[in-house]
């Protein structure tokens, strides 16, 4: 497992898992959203997007996360593994709502100076709200990746479906074991005595 595509509905935890997996494997991580969303949320033109992703996918090892159909062929042609986060809708919605609230409240920069806004949190338009997007895309994403996993054109890929947080933890533990990396647990720091 050296070239891994991480996919799943928005809010399922793709980037978090991809960052950790890349660190375990000792390869670069690329978040497709960071390339696609230019300043002011302007989308990168398709030709330029494909050129950048083709160059990154040609590298020796990587973990790339994202669901962009415009570049999936480039990523999957070079990938050896697809990790599909297929968490229950209730879990995804809880995660995406809390993530969005934190991002908006803390004014956290996402990519290229972009930040989520309160109005995006309050609208139900899927083109403006990641929460609405996740709600509407959950079932279609499940069907899309289930079909891709069964498609003979994907026979060169190892599909790993993770359907729970327990599956994710087990997958990362297995990746650490295969890579010979010990799990790092936070150390408890003793409280100073007064």
Protein backbone atom coordinates (compact mmCIF):
# COMPACT_ATOMS: atom_id res chain seq x y z
CA UNK A 1 0.00 0.00 0.00
CA UNK A 2 1.97 2.99 -1.30
CA UNK A 3 -0.50 4.95 -3.44
CA UNK A 4 -3.83 5.30 -1.68
CA UNK A 5 -6.99 7.12 -2.71
CA UNK A 6 -9.29 7.95 0.22
CA UNK A 7 -12.92 8.56 -0.74
CA UNK A 8 -16.26 9.01 1.01
CA UNK A 9 -19.05 11.49 1.62
CA UNK A 10 -18.12 15.00 2.75
CA UNK A 11 -17.69 14.99 6.51
CA UNK A 12 -16.84 11.29 6.73
CA UNK A 13 -13.29 12.00 7.87
CA UNK A 14 -11.34 11.52 4.62
CA UNK A 15 -8.70 14.17 5.24
CA UNK A 16 -8.16 13.20 8.88
CA UNK A 17 -7.67 9.54 7.93
CA UNK A 18 -5.55 10.42 4.88
CA UNK A 19 -3.19 12.64 6.88
CA UNK A 20 -2.67 9.94 9.50
CA UNK A 21 -2.23 7.20 6.90
CA UNK A 22 0.29 9.28 4.93
CA UNK A 23 2.30 9.81 8.11
CA UNK A 24 2.26 6.08 8.88
CA UNK A 25 3.33 5.20 5.33
CA UNK A 26 5.89 8.00 5.14
CA UNK A 27 4.43 9.42 1.93
CA UNK A 28 3.01 12.85 0.99
CA UNK A 29 -0.66 13.66 1.54
CA UNK A 30 -2.70 15.66 -0.96
CA UNK A 31 -6.20 16.96 -0.25
CA UNK A 32 -7.98 17.54 -3.57
CA UNK A 33 -10.09 20.33 -2.05
CA UNK A 34 -6.88 22.30 -1.38
CA UNK A 35 -6.05 22.25 -5.09
CA UNK A 36 -9.58 22.72 -6.43
CA UNK A 37 -10.73 25.62 -4.20
CA UNK A 38 -8.77 28.71 -5.17
CA UNK A 39 -9.06 32.08 -3.36
CA UNK A 40 -12.66 33.25 -3.05
CA UNK A 41 -13.81 29.63 -3.48
CA UNK A 42 -13.16 29.91 -7.23
CA UNK A 43 -12.83 26.44 -8.75
CA UNK A 44 -9.56 25.69 -10.52
CA UNK A 45 -10.26 25.20 -14.26
CA UNK A 46 -10.58 21.51 -15.11
CA UNK A 47 -7.55 21.40 -17.43
CA UNK A 48 -5.26 22.93 -14.81
CA UNK A 49 -6.76 20.73 -12.07
CA UNK A 50 -6.10 17.60 -14.13
CA UNK A 51 -2.55 18.71 -14.97
CA UNK A 52 -1.64 19.26 -11.31
CA UNK A 53 -3.22 16.01 -10.13
CA UNK A 54 -1.63 13.99 -12.95
CA UNK A 55 1.79 15.29 -11.91
CA UNK A 56 1.18 14.49 -8.24
CA UNK A 57 -0.26 11.03 -9.01
CA UNK A 58 2.86 10.18 -11.07
CA UNK A 59 4.96 10.33 -7.88
CA UNK A 60 6.22 7.15 -6.23
CA UNK A 61 3.97 7.16 -3.19
CA UNK A 62 1.12 9.25 -1.80
CA UNK A 63 -2.25 9.39 -0.10
CA UNK A 64 -4.78 11.52 -2.00
CA UNK A 65 -8.20 12.26 -0.54
CA UNK A 66 -11.26 13.58 -2.31
CA UNK A 67 -14.21 12.67 -4.52
CA UNK A 68 -13.63 14.70 -7.67
CA UNK A 69 -14.87 12.73 -10.69
CA UNK A 70 -12.89 15.05 -12.98
CA UNK A 71 -9.61 13.58 -11.71
CA UNK A 72 -10.61 10.17 -10.35
CA UNK A 73 -9.36 8.40 -13.49
CA UNK A 74 -5.91 9.96 -13.00
CA UNK A 75 -5.71 9.05 -9.32
CA UNK A 76 -7.13 5.54 -9.63
CA UNK A 77 -4.98 4.68 -12.65
CA UNK A 78 -1.90 5.09 -10.41
CA UNK A 79 -3.39 3.99 -7.06
CA UNK A 80 -2.96 0.51 -5.63
CA UNK A 81 -5.58 0.94 -2.88
CA UNK A 82 -8.88 2.78 -2.44
CA UNK A 83 -9.97 3.35 1.14
CA UNK A 84 -13.70 4.02 1.13
CA UNK A 85 -15.16 5.67 4.23
CA UNK A 86 -18.75 4.42 4.22
CA UNK A 87 -19.93 5.54 7.63
CA UNK A 88 -23.65 5.63 8.54
CA UNK A 89 -25.45 8.82 7.55
CA UNK A 90 -26.14 9.76 11.18
CA UNK A 91 -22.40 9.57 11.98
CA UNK A 92 -21.42 11.61 8.93
CA UNK A 93 -24.04 14.26 9.67
CA UNK A 94 -22.96 14.58 13.31
CA UNK A 95 -19.32 14.93 12.22
CA UNK A 96 -19.98 17.43 9.42
CA UNK A 97 -22.22 19.63 11.59
CA UNK A 98 -19.65 19.81 14.42
CA UNK A 99 -16.78 20.31 12.00
CA UNK A 100 -18.62 23.14 10.24
CA UNK A 101 -19.58 24.81 13.52
CA UNK A 102 -15.95 24.73 14.68
CA UNK A 103 -14.66 26.07 11.37
CA UNK A 104 -17.18 28.92 11.28
CA UNK A 105 -16.85 29.88 14.95
CA UNK A 106 -13.04 29.79 14.92
CA UNK A 107 -12.77 31.42 11.47
CA UNK A 108 -10.36 28.66 10.53
CA UNK A 109 -8.71 29.01 7.12
CA UNK A 110 -9.31 25.94 4.99
CA UNK A 111 -7.50 26.40 1.68
CA UNK A 112 -6.10 29.44 -0.13
CA UNK A 113 -7.59 31.94 2.31
CA UNK A 114 -11.09 30.42 2.19
CA UNK A 115 -13.22 30.11 5.30
CA UNK A 116 -16.68 28.71 5.87
CA UNK A 117 -19.33 31.35 6.58
CA UNK A 118 -22.40 31.35 8.83
CA UNK A 119 -24.71 31.76 5.87
CA UNK A 120 -23.29 28.55 4.36
CA UNK A 121 -24.15 26.82 7.62
CA UNK A 122 -27.72 28.12 7.57
CA UNK A 123 -28.68 27.42 3.94
CA UNK A 124 -30.02 24.13 2.63
CA UNK A 125 -28.64 24.69 -0.88
CA UNK A 126 -26.14 21.84 -1.42
CA UNK A 127 -24.00 24.06 -3.65
CA UNK A 128 -23.47 26.45 -0.72
CA UNK A 129 -23.65 24.18 2.35
CA UNK A 130 -21.36 21.24 3.01
CA UNK A 131 -23.94 19.98 5.51
CA UNK A 132 -26.66 19.88 2.86
CA UNK A 133 -24.16 18.43 0.38
CA UNK A 134 -23.32 15.58 2.77
CA UNK A 135 -27.01 14.88 3.41
CA UNK A 136 -27.90 14.74 -0.28
CA UNK A 137 -24.75 12.89 -1.45
CA UNK A 138 -24.59 10.14 1.17
CA UNK A 139 -26.75 7.57 -0.66
CA UNK A 140 -25.44 8.39 -4.17
CA UNK A 141 -21.84 8.20 -2.92
CA UNK A 142 -22.52 4.80 -1.36
CA UNK A 143 -23.97 3.50 -4.62
CA UNK A 144 -21.13 5.01 -6.69
CA UNK A 145 -18.32 3.47 -4.65
CA UNK A 146 -20.08 0.11 -4.25
CA UNK A 147 -20.41 -0.05 -8.04
CA UNK A 148 -16.77 1.02 -8.52
CA UNK A 149 -15.56 -1.69 -6.14
CA UNK A 150 -17.45 -4.31 -8.18
CA UNK A 151 -16.42 -2.91 -11.58
CA UNK A 152 -13.90 -5.08 -13.48
CA UNK A 153 -12.17 -1.84 -14.56
CA UNK A 154 -11.14 -1.44 -10.90
CA UNK A 155 -9.68 -4.93 -10.61
CA UNK A 156 -6.15 -3.52 -10.18
CA UNK A 157 -7.29 -1.72 -7.00
CA UNK A 158 -7.61 -3.13 -3.51
CA UNK A 159 -10.84 -1.65 -2.08
CA UNK A 160 -11.05 -1.30 1.67
CA UNK A 161 -14.49 -0.31 2.96
CA UNK A 162 -14.53 1.21 6.44
CA UNK A 163 -18.08 1.37 7.81
CA UNK A 164 -17.48 2.41 11.43
CA UNK A 165 -15.03 4.21 13.68
CA UNK A 166 -13.95 0.79 14.95
CA UNK A 167 -13.13 -0.22 11.35
CA UNK A 168 -11.06 2.96 10.96
CA UNK A 169 -9.12 2.36 14.17
CA UNK A 170 -8.46 -1.27 13.21
CA UNK A 171 -7.36 -0.24 9.71
CA UNK A 172 -4.89 2.33 11.07
CA UNK A 173 -3.56 -0.16 13.62
CA UNK A 174 -3.02 -2.71 10.82
CA UNK A 175 -1.27 -0.06 8.70
CA UNK A 176 1.03 0.78 11.62
CA UNK A 177 1.83 -2.90 12.13
CA UNK A 178 2.59 -3.41 8.42
CA UNK A 179 4.76 -0.29 8.36
CA UNK A 180 6.49 -1.23 11.62
CA UNK A 181 5.29 1.97 13.30
CA UNK A 182 4.29 1.91 16.94
CA UNK A 183 1.01 3.54 17.85
CA UNK A 184 1.65 6.80 19.63
CA UNK A 185 -0.60 7.27 22.61
CA UNK A 186 -0.76 10.67 24.32
CA UNK A 187 1.31 10.69 27.48
CA UNK A 188 -0.29 11.72 30.70
CA UNK A 189 1.65 14.53 32.24
CA UNK A 190 1.59 14.43 36.04
CA UNK A 191 0.07 17.48 37.64
CA UNK A 192 2.44 19.71 39.54
CA UNK A 193 1.96 19.56 43.29
CA UNK A 194 1.25 22.79 45.08
